[in-house]
Amino acid sequence: MAEVVWLNQAIEQLDQIASYIALFDPAAAGRISTRLVELGQSLETFPNRGRPASNGTRELVSVRPYILRYEVQGDTVIILSVRHAARLWDSDI
């Protein structure tokens, strides 16, 4: 089983998503946050299940419209970012 590590940047993005949704529906913000964390943690079992992306990273979409970008390094899955599908990727990822 792989270890899942969330970069601070990904945690901050998740917090920003939840804060924005909470402006309109606090309960939905909690549900979406929980589902995104569970999605990331599910990579412990199947780390390569996301689709291949650029620079050796992978993307996982299950909690629409949000995308987790991550990379697998040996037995470690590193969650790099969480973003809305309509947003462009930062050039540094």
PDB file of N, CA and C in Angstrom:
ATOM      1  N   MET A   1       0.841  -1.181   0.000  1.00  0.00           N
ATOM      2  CA  MET A   1       0.000   0.000   0.000  1.00  0.00           C
ATOM      3  C   MET A   1       0.889   1.247   0.000  1.00  0.00           C
ATOM      4  N   ALA A   2       0.487   2.231  -0.782  1.00  0.00           N
ATOM      5  CA  ALA A   2       1.257   3.471  -0.898  1.00  0.00           C
ATOM      6  C   ALA A   2       0.903   4.446   0.225  1.00  0.00           C
ATOM      7  N   GLU A   3       1.838   5.313   0.531  1.00  0.00           N
ATOM      8  CA  GLU A   3       1.585   6.408   1.470  1.00  0.00           C
ATOM      9  C   GLU A   3       1.159   7.625   0.651  1.00  0.00           C
ATOM     10  N   VAL A   4       0.105   8.306   1.082  1.00  0.00           N
ATOM     11  CA  VAL A   4      -0.370   9.508   0.397  1.00  0.00           C
ATOM     12  C   VAL A   4       0.074  10.731   1.189  1.00  0.00           C
ATOM     13  N   VAL A   5       0.755  11.654   0.500  1.00  0.00           N
ATOM     14  CA  VAL A   5       1.244  12.893   1.106  1.00  0.00           C
ATOM     15  C   VAL A   5       0.635  14.059   0.342  1.00  0.00           C
ATOM     16  N   TRP A   6       0.036  14.993   1.062  1.00  0.00           N
ATOM     17  CA  TRP A   6      -0.546  16.192   0.449  1.00  0.00           C
ATOM     18  C   TRP A   6       0.438  17.345   0.601  1.00  0.00           C
ATOM     19  N   LEU A   7       0.816  17.974  -0.520  1.00  0.00           N
ATOM     20  CA  LEU A   7       1.643  19.178  -0.432  1.00  0.00           C
ATOM     21  C   LEU A   7       0.833  20.304   0.202  1.00  0.00           C
ATOM     22  N   ASN A   8       1.522  21.228   0.859  1.00  0.00           N
ATOM     23  CA  ASN A   8       0.830  22.367   1.477  1.00  0.00           C
ATOM     24  C   ASN A   8      -0.015  23.118   0.460  1.00  0.00           C
ATOM     25  N   GLN A   9       0.502  23.256  -0.750  1.00  0.00           N
ATOM     26  CA  GLN A   9      -0.235  23.944  -1.811  1.00  0.00           C
ATOM     27  C   GLN A   9      -1.586  23.271  -2.071  1.00  0.00           C
ATOM     28  N   ALA A  10      -1.609  21.944  -2.104  1.00  0.00           N
ATOM     29  CA  ALA A  10      -2.855  21.213  -2.343  1.00  0.00           C
ATOM     30  C   ALA A  10      -3.824  21.398  -1.175  1.00  0.00           C
ATOM     31  N   ILE A  11      -3.307  21.404   0.037  1.00  0.00           N
ATOM     32  CA  ILE A  11      -4.154  21.615   1.218  1.00  0.00           C
ATOM     33  C   ILE A  11      -4.751  23.016   1.186  1.00  0.00           C
ATOM     34  N   GLU A  12      -3.946  24.002   0.825  1.00  0.00           N
ATOM     35  CA  GLU A  12      -4.444  25.381   0.729  1.00  0.00           C
ATOM     36  C   GLU A  12      -5.518  25.503  -0.347  1.00  0.00           C
ATOM     37  N   GLN A  13      -5.320  24.838  -1.474  1.00  0.00           N
ATOM     38  CA  GLN A  13      -6.316  24.877  -2.542  1.00  0.00           C
ATOM     39  C   GLN A  13      -7.619  24.226  -2.090  1.00  0.00           C
ATOM     40  N   LEU A  14      -7.514  23.119  -1.383  1.00  0.00           N
ATOM     41  CA  LEU A  14      -8.699  22.450  -0.855  1.00  0.00           C
ATOM     42  C   LEU A  14      -9.438  23.369   0.119  1.00  0.00           C
ATOM     43  N   ASP A  15      -8.702  24.051   0.982  1.00  0.00           N
ATOM     44  CA  ASP A  15      -9.312  25.002   1.923  1.00  0.00           C
ATOM     45  C   ASP A  15     -10.000  26.151   1.186  1.00  0.00           C
ATOM     46  N   GLN A  16      -9.375  26.651   0.120  1.00  0.00           N
ATOM     47  CA  GLN A  16      -9.977  27.739  -0.662  1.00  0.00           C
ATOM     48  C   GLN A  16     -11.268  27.287  -1.336  1.00  0.00           C
ATOM     49  N   ILE A  17     -11.269  26.084  -1.867  1.00  0.00           N
ATOM     50  CA  ILE A  17     -12.472  25.535  -2.496  1.00  0.00           C
ATOM     51  C   ILE A  17     -13.589  25.438  -1.467  1.00  0.00           C
ATOM     52  N   ALA A  18     -13.278  24.879  -0.307  1.00  0.00           N
ATOM     53  CA  ALA A  18     -14.288  24.723   0.742  1.00  0.00           C
ATOM     54  C   ALA A  18     -14.798  26.075   1.228  1.00  0.00           C
ATOM     55  N   SER A  19     -13.913  27.038   1.381  1.00  0.00           N
ATOM     56  CA  SER A  19     -14.324  28.372   1.841  1.00  0.00           C
ATOM     57  C   SER A  19     -15.265  29.036   0.847  1.00  0.00           C
ATOM     58  N   TYR A  20     -14.965  28.889  -0.424  1.00  0.00           N
ATOM     59  CA  TYR A  20     -15.824  29.486  -1.451  1.00  0.00           C
ATOM     60  C   TYR A  20     -17.203  28.825  -1.461  1.00  0.00           C
ATOM     61  N   ILE A  21     -17.237  27.508  -1.439  1.00  0.00           N
ATOM     62  CA  ILE A  21     -18.518  26.796  -1.453  1.00  0.00           C
ATOM     63  C   ILE A  21     -19.313  27.114  -0.194  1.00  0.00           C
ATOM     64  N   ALA A  22     -18.629  27.266   0.941  1.00  0.00           N
ATOM     65  CA  ALA A  22     -19.300  27.554   2.211  1.00  0.00           C
ATOM     66  C   ALA A  22     -20.035  28.888   2.196  1.00  0.00           C
ATOM     67  N   LEU A  23     -19.624  29.810   1.330  1.00  0.00           N
ATOM     68  CA  LEU A  23     -20.345  31.081   1.211  1.00  0.00           C
ATOM     69  C   LEU A  23     -21.791  30.860   0.787  1.00  0.00           C
ATOM     70  N   PHE A  24     -22.022  29.796   0.040  1.00  0.00           N
ATOM     71  CA  PHE A  24     -23.344  29.519  -0.504  1.00  0.00           C
ATOM     72  C   PHE A  24     -24.043  28.357   0.189  1.00  0.00           C
ATOM     73  N   ASP A  25     -23.250  27.364   0.621  1.00  0.00           N
ATOM     74  CA  ASP A  25     -23.834  26.169   1.227  1.00  0.00           C
ATOM     75  C   ASP A  25     -22.786  25.489   2.114  1.00  0.00           C
ATOM     76  N   PRO A  26     -22.755  25.841   3.403  1.00  0.00           N
ATOM     77  CA  PRO A  26     -21.747  25.270   4.302  1.00  0.00           C
ATOM     78  C   PRO A  26     -21.757  23.740   4.356  1.00  0.00           C
ATOM     79  N   ALA A  27     -22.935  23.143   4.317  1.00  0.00           N
ATOM     80  CA  ALA A  27     -23.001  21.679   4.369  1.00  0.00           C
ATOM     81  C   ALA A  27     -22.369  21.061   3.124  1.00  0.00           C
ATOM     82  N   ALA A  28     -22.617  21.654   1.974  1.00  0.00           N
ATOM     83  CA  ALA A  28     -22.024  21.148   0.730  1.00  0.00           C
ATOM     84  C   ALA A  28     -20.509  21.287   0.764  1.00  0.00           C
ATOM     85  N   ALA A  29     -20.012  22.366   1.345  1.00  0.00           N
ATOM     86  CA  ALA A  29     -18.565  22.569   1.452  1.00  0.00           C
ATOM     87  C   ALA A  29     -17.926  21.426   2.236  1.00  0.00           C
ATOM     88  N   GLY A  30     -18.552  21.042   3.321  1.00  0.00           N
ATOM     89  CA  GLY A  30     -18.039  19.933   4.121  1.00  0.00           C
ATOM     90  C   GLY A  30     -18.072  18.620   3.367  1.00  0.00           C
ATOM     91  N   ARG A  31     -19.163  18.380   2.658  1.00  0.00           N
ATOM     92  CA  ARG A  31     -19.288  17.130   1.893  1.00  0.00           C
ATOM     93  C   ARG A  31     -18.234  17.041   0.788  1.00  0.00           C
ATOM     94  N   ILE A  32     -18.058  18.127   0.060  1.00  0.00           N
ATOM     95  CA  ILE A  32     -17.093  18.110  -1.045  1.00  0.00           C
ATOM     96  C   ILE A  32     -15.672  17.966  -0.512  1.00  0.00           C
ATOM     97  N   SER A  33     -15.352  18.672   0.562  1.00  0.00           N
ATOM     98  CA  SER A  33     -14.014  18.542   1.159  1.00  0.00           C
ATOM     99  C   SER A  33     -13.742  17.106   1.581  1.00  0.00           C
ATOM    100  N   THR A  34     -14.706  16.514   2.255  1.00  0.00           N
ATOM    101  CA  THR A  34     -14.554  15.132   2.706  1.00  0.00           C
ATOM    102  C   THR A  34     -14.361  14.194   1.529  1.00  0.00           C
ATOM    103  N   ARG A  35     -15.159  14.367   0.492  1.00  0.00           N
ATOM    104  CA  ARG A  35     -15.049  13.495  -0.684  1.00  0.00           C
ATOM    105  C   ARG A  35     -13.703  13.655  -1.384  1.00  0.00           C
ATOM    106  N   LEU A  36     -13.198  14.887  -1.474  1.00  0.00           N
ATOM    107  CA  LEU A  36     -11.900  15.098  -2.119  1.00  0.00           C
ATOM    108  C   LEU A  36     -10.761  14.479  -1.307  1.00  0.00           C
ATOM    109  N   VAL A  37     -10.823  14.603   0.011  1.00  0.00           N
ATOM    110  CA  VAL A  37      -9.797  13.980   0.861  1.00  0.00           C
ATOM    111  C   VAL A  37      -9.866  12.461   0.725  1.00  0.00           C
ATOM    112  N   GLU A  38     -11.074  11.911   0.744  1.00  0.00           N
ATOM    113  CA  GLU A  38     -11.230  10.460   0.588  1.00  0.00           C
ATOM    114  C   GLU A  38     -10.718   9.995  -0.772  1.00  0.00           C
ATOM    115  N   LEU A  39     -10.970  10.791  -1.803  1.00  0.00           N
ATOM    116  CA  LEU A  39     -10.480  10.457  -3.138  1.00  0.00           C
ATOM    117  C   LEU A  39      -8.954  10.390  -3.139  1.00  0.00           C
ATOM    118  N   GLY A  40      -8.323  11.391  -2.542  1.00  0.00           N
ATOM    119  CA  GLY A  40      -6.865  11.383  -2.460  1.00  0.00           C
ATOM    120  C   GLY A  40      -6.344  10.193  -1.679  1.00  0.00           C
ATOM    121  N   GLN A  41      -6.960   9.909  -0.557  1.00  0.00           N
ATOM    122  CA  GLN A  41      -6.513   8.794   0.278  1.00  0.00           C
ATOM    123  C   GLN A  41      -6.743   7.450  -0.407  1.00  0.00           C
ATOM    124  N   SER A  42      -7.715   7.370  -1.308  1.00  0.00           N
ATOM    125  CA  SER A  42      -7.977   6.111  -2.012  1.00  0.00           C
ATOM    126  C   SER A  42      -6.814   5.716  -2.920  1.00  0.00           C
ATOM    127  N   LEU A  43      -5.930   6.656  -3.198  1.00  0.00           N
ATOM    128  CA  LEU A  43      -4.764   6.349  -4.022  1.00  0.00           C
ATOM    129  C   LEU A  43      -3.765   5.459  -3.288  1.00  0.00           C
ATOM    130  N   GLU A  44      -3.957   5.259  -1.981  1.00  0.00           N
ATOM    131  CA  GLU A  44      -3.127   4.313  -1.227  1.00  0.00           C
ATOM    132  C   GLU A  44      -3.188   2.931  -1.867  1.00  0.00           C
ATOM    133  N   THR A  45      -4.370   2.556  -2.300  1.00  0.00           N
ATOM    134  CA  THR A  45      -4.598   1.217  -2.822  1.00  0.00           C
ATOM    135  C   THR A  45      -4.301   1.097  -4.313  1.00  0.00           C
ATOM    136  N   PHE A  46      -4.714   2.097  -5.086  1.00  0.00           N
ATOM    137  CA  PHE A  46      -4.524   2.065  -6.543  1.00  0.00           C
ATOM    138  C   PHE A  46      -3.863   3.360  -7.009  1.00  0.00           C
ATOM    139  N   PRO A  47      -2.576   3.532  -6.771  1.00  0.00           N
ATOM    140  CA  PRO A  47      -1.929   4.813  -7.046  1.00  0.00           C
ATOM    141  C   PRO A  47      -1.870   5.214  -8.520  1.00  0.00           C
ATOM    142  N   ASN A  48      -1.919   4.269  -9.430  1.00  0.00           N
ATOM    143  CA  ASN A  48      -1.789   4.607 -10.848  1.00  0.00           C
ATOM    144  C   ASN A  48      -3.119   4.679 -11.583  1.00  0.00           C
ATOM    145  N   ARG A  49      -4.218   4.746 -10.865  1.00  0.00           N
ATOM    146  CA  ARG A  49      -5.511   4.695 -11.543  1.00  0.00           C
ATOM    147  C   ARG A  49      -5.893   5.991 -12.247  1.00  0.00           C
ATOM    148  N   GLY A  50      -5.295   7.099 -11.893  1.00  0.00           N
ATOM    149  CA  GLY A  50      -5.591   8.358 -12.578  1.00  0.00           C
ATOM    150  C   GLY A  50      -5.031   8.364 -13.987  1.00  0.00           C
ATOM    151  N   ARG A  51      -5.548   9.249 -14.813  1.00  0.00           N
ATOM    152  CA  ARG A  51      -5.076   9.339 -16.203  1.00  0.00           C
ATOM    153  C   ARG A  51      -3.712  10.029 -16.243  1.00  0.00           C
ATOM    154  N   PRO A  52      -2.852   9.617 -17.171  1.00  0.00           N
ATOM    155  CA  PRO A  52      -1.556  10.283 -17.315  1.00  0.00           C
ATOM    156  C   PRO A  52      -1.734  11.755 -17.689  1.00  0.00           C
ATOM    157  N   ALA A  53      -0.896  12.603 -17.125  1.00  0.00           N
ATOM    158  CA  ALA A  53      -0.916  14.043 -17.407  1.00  0.00           C
ATOM    159  C   ALA A  53       0.511  14.468 -17.767  1.00  0.00           C
ATOM    160  N   SER A  54       0.763  15.753 -17.766  1.00  0.00           N
ATOM    161  CA  SER A  54       2.079  16.258 -18.172  1.00  0.00           C
ATOM    162  C   SER A  54       3.146  16.043 -17.099  1.00  0.00           C
ATOM    163  N   ASN A  55       4.384  16.050 -17.539  1.00  0.00           N
ATOM    164  CA  ASN A  55       5.550  15.979 -16.650  1.00  0.00           C
ATOM    165  C   ASN A  55       5.544  14.778 -15.716  1.00  0.00           C
ATOM    166  N   GLY A  56       4.987  13.658 -16.165  1.00  0.00           N
ATOM    167  CA  GLY A  56       4.982  12.450 -15.349  1.00  0.00           C
ATOM    168  C   GLY A  56       3.959  12.442 -14.231  1.00  0.00           C
ATOM    169  N   THR A  57       3.078  13.433 -14.218  1.00  0.00           N
ATOM    170  CA  THR A  57       2.035  13.466 -13.195  1.00  0.00           C
ATOM    171  C   THR A  57       0.810  12.697 -13.680  1.00  0.00           C
ATOM    172  N   ARG A  58      -0.145  12.560 -12.788  1.00  0.00           N
ATOM    173  CA  ARG A  58      -1.407  11.896 -13.111  1.00  0.00           C
ATOM    174  C   ARG A  58      -2.542  12.774 -12.598  1.00  0.00           C
ATOM    175  N   GLU A  59      -3.737  12.585 -13.181  1.00  0.00           N
ATOM    176  CA  GLU A  59      -4.924  13.334 -12.760  1.00  0.00           C
ATOM    177  C   GLU A  59      -6.033  12.363 -12.415  1.00  0.00           C
ATOM    178  N   LEU A  60      -6.746  12.697 -11.365  1.00  0.00           N
ATOM    179  CA  LEU A  60      -7.870  11.872 -10.943  1.00  0.00           C
ATOM    180  C   LEU A  60      -9.093  12.759 -10.813  1.00  0.00           C
ATOM    181  N   VAL A  61     -10.148  12.380 -11.527  1.00  0.00           N
ATOM    182  CA  VAL A  61     -11.405  13.120 -11.490  1.00  0.00           C
ATOM    183  C   VAL A  61     -12.472  12.153 -11.013  1.00  0.00           C
ATOM    184  N   SER A  62     -13.069  12.443  -9.891  1.00  0.00           N
ATOM    185  CA  SER A  62     -14.167  11.623  -9.400  1.00  0.00           C
ATOM    186  C   SER A  62     -15.208  12.496  -8.726  1.00  0.00           C
ATOM    187  N   VAL A  63     -14.748  13.534  -8.067  1.00  0.00           N
ATOM    188  CA  VAL A  63     -15.644  14.489  -7.418  1.00  0.00           C
ATOM    189  C   VAL A  63     -15.739  15.668  -8.375  1.00  0.00           C
ATOM    190  N   ARG A  64     -16.642  15.568  -9.321  1.00  0.00           N
ATOM    191  CA  ARG A  64     -16.749  16.602 -10.356  1.00  0.00           C
ATOM    192  C   ARG A  64     -17.240  17.893  -9.756  1.00  0.00           C
ATOM    193  N   PRO A  65     -16.700  18.982 -10.225  1.00  0.00           N
ATOM    194  CA  PRO A  65     -15.776  19.205 -11.334  1.00  0.00           C
ATOM    195  C   PRO A  65     -14.328  19.396 -10.879  1.00  0.00           C
ATOM    196  N   TYR A  66     -13.896  18.709  -9.837  1.00  0.00           N
ATOM    197  CA  TYR A  66     -12.561  18.921  -9.279  1.00  0.00           C
ATOM    198  C   TYR A  66     -11.583  17.842  -9.729  1.00  0.00           C
ATOM    199  N   ILE A  67     -10.341  18.258  -9.920  1.00  0.00           N
ATOM    200  CA  ILE A  67      -9.285  17.369 -10.400  1.00  0.00           C
ATOM    201  C   ILE A  67      -8.136  17.378  -9.394  1.00  0.00           C
ATOM    202  N   LEU A  68      -7.717  16.186  -9.001  1.00  0.00           N
ATOM    203  CA  LEU A  68      -6.509  16.043  -8.183  1.00  0.00           C
ATOM    204  C   LEU A  68      -5.352  15.746  -9.123  1.00  0.00           C
ATOM    205  N   ARG A  69      -4.285  16.512  -9.033  1.00  0.00           N
ATOM    206  CA  ARG A  69      -3.073  16.196  -9.791  1.00  0.00           C
ATOM    207  C   ARG A  69      -2.064  15.658  -8.791  1.00  0.00           C
ATOM    208  N   TYR A  70      -1.435  14.555  -9.163  1.00  0.00           N
ATOM    209  CA  TYR A  70      -0.504  13.905  -8.242  1.00  0.00           C
ATOM    210  C   TYR A  70       0.602  13.213  -9.017  1.00  0.00           C
ATOM    211  N   GLU A  71       1.619  12.805  -8.279  1.00  0.00           N
ATOM    212  CA  GLU A  71       2.669  11.985  -8.874  1.00  0.00           C
ATOM    213  C   GLU A  71       2.966  10.818  -7.951  1.00  0.00           C
ATOM    214  N   VAL A  72       3.407   9.742  -8.562  1.00  0.00           N
ATOM    215  CA  VAL A  72       3.761   8.543  -7.811  1.00  0.00           C
ATOM    216  C   VAL A  72       5.278   8.432  -7.819  1.00  0.00           C
ATOM    217  N   GLN A  73       5.843   8.353  -6.620  1.00  0.00           N
ATOM    218  CA  GLN A  73       7.291   8.180  -6.465  1.00  0.00           C
ATOM    219  C   GLN A  73       7.510   6.946  -5.598  1.00  0.00           C
ATOM    220  N   GLY A  74       7.768   5.832  -6.242  1.00  0.00           N
ATOM    221  CA  GLY A  74       7.937   4.585  -5.504  1.00  0.00           C
ATOM    222  C   GLY A  74       6.650   4.211  -4.794  1.00  0.00           C
ATOM    223  N   ASP A  75       6.720   4.096  -3.470  1.00  0.00           N
ATOM    224  CA  ASP A  75       5.548   3.752  -2.661  1.00  0.00           C
ATOM    225  C   ASP A  75       4.870   4.979  -2.071  1.00  0.00           C
ATOM    226  N   THR A  76       5.121   6.144  -2.652  1.00  0.00           N
ATOM    227  CA  THR A  76       4.531   7.385  -2.150  1.00  0.00           C
ATOM    228  C   THR A  76       3.745   8.075  -3.253  1.00  0.00           C
ATOM    229  N   VAL A  77       2.532   8.502  -2.912  1.00  0.00           N
ATOM    230  CA  VAL A  77       1.703   9.309  -3.808  1.00  0.00           C
ATOM    231  C   VAL A  77       1.730  10.728  -3.258  1.00  0.00           C
ATOM    232  N   ILE A  78       2.125  11.682  -4.084  1.00  0.00           N
ATOM    233  CA  ILE A  78       2.200  13.076  -3.655  1.00  0.00           C
ATOM    234  C   ILE A  78       1.093  13.853  -4.357  1.00  0.00           C
ATOM    235  N   ILE A  79       0.128  14.352  -3.571  1.00  0.00           N
ATOM    236  CA  ILE A  79      -0.948  15.174  -4.119  1.00  0.00           C
ATOM    237  C   ILE A  79      -0.366  16.566  -4.327  1.00  0.00           C
ATOM    238  N   LEU A  80      -0.288  16.988  -5.583  1.00  0.00           N
ATOM    239  CA  LEU A  80       0.324  18.266  -5.931  1.00  0.00           C
ATOM    240  C   LEU A  80      -0.661  19.416  -5.883  1.00  0.00           C
ATOM    241  N   SER A  81      -1.877  19.172  -6.356  1.00  0.00           N
ATOM    242  CA  SER A  81      -2.849  20.265  -6.415  1.00  0.00           C
ATOM    243  C   SER A  81      -4.263  19.731  -6.540  1.00  0.00           C
ATOM    244  N   VAL A  82      -5.202  20.605  -6.198  1.00  0.00           N
ATOM    245  CA  VAL A  82      -6.636  20.349  -6.354  1.00  0.00           C
ATOM    246  C   VAL A  82      -7.186  21.570  -7.067  1.00  0.00           C
ATOM    247  N   ARG A  83      -7.902  21.355  -8.165  1.00  0.00           N
ATOM    248  CA  ARG A  83      -8.432  22.515  -8.874  1.00  0.00           C
ATOM    249  C   ARG A  83      -9.769  22.200  -9.517  1.00  0.00           C
ATOM    250  N   HIS A  84     -10.517  23.256  -9.796  1.00  0.00           N
ATOM    251  CA  HIS A  84     -11.759  23.163 -10.552  1.00  0.00           C
ATOM    252  C   HIS A  84     -11.380  22.898 -12.001  1.00  0.00           C
ATOM    253  N   ALA A  85     -12.124  22.064 -12.679  1.00  0.00           N
ATOM    254  CA  ALA A  85     -11.798  21.686 -14.056  1.00  0.00           C
ATOM    255  C   ALA A  85     -11.781  22.874 -15.014  1.00  0.00           C
ATOM    256  N   ALA A  86     -12.503  23.937 -14.698  1.00  0.00           N
ATOM    257  CA  ALA A  86     -12.552  25.101 -15.582  1.00  0.00           C
ATOM    258  C   ALA A  86     -11.324  26.003 -15.447  1.00  0.00           C
ATOM    259  N   ARG A  87     -10.504  25.777 -14.434  1.00  0.00           N
ATOM    260  CA  ARG A  87      -9.321  26.629 -14.217  1.00  0.00           C
ATOM    261  C   ARG A  87      -8.118  26.070 -14.953  1.00  0.00           C
ATOM    262  N   LEU A  88      -7.266  26.963 -15.405  1.00  0.00           N
ATOM    263  CA  LEU A  88      -6.029  26.560 -16.059  1.00  0.00           C
ATOM    264  C   LEU A  88      -5.022  26.118 -15.008  1.00  0.00           C
ATOM    265  N   TRP A  89      -4.114  25.214 -15.406  1.00  0.00           N
ATOM    266  CA  TRP A  89      -3.054  24.779 -14.507  1.00  0.00           C
ATOM    267  C   TRP A  89      -2.017  25.872 -14.378  1.00  0.00           C
ATOM    268  N   ASP A  90      -1.411  25.959 -13.211  1.00  0.00           N
ATOM    269  CA  ASP A  90      -0.253  26.832 -13.032  1.00  0.00           C
ATOM    270  C   ASP A  90       0.887  26.257 -13.860  1.00  0.00           C
ATOM    271  N   SER A  91       1.715  27.113 -14.380  1.00  0.00           N
ATOM    272  CA  SER A  91       2.802  26.658 -15.250  1.00  0.00           C
ATOM    273  C   SER A  91       3.886  25.883 -14.509  1.00  0.00           C
ATOM    274  N   ASP A  92       3.914  25.985 -13.186  1.00  0.00           N
ATOM    275  CA  ASP A  92       4.984  25.319 -12.434  1.00  0.00           C
ATOM    276  C   ASP A  92       4.665  23.877 -12.080  1.00  0.00           C
ATOM    277  N   ILE A  93       3.505  23.395 -12.460  1.00  0.00           N
ATOM    278  CA  ILE A  93       3.161  22.004 -12.129  1.00  0.00           C
ATOM    279  C   ILE A  93       3.269  21.154 -13.370  1.00  0.00           C
TER     280      ILE A  93
END
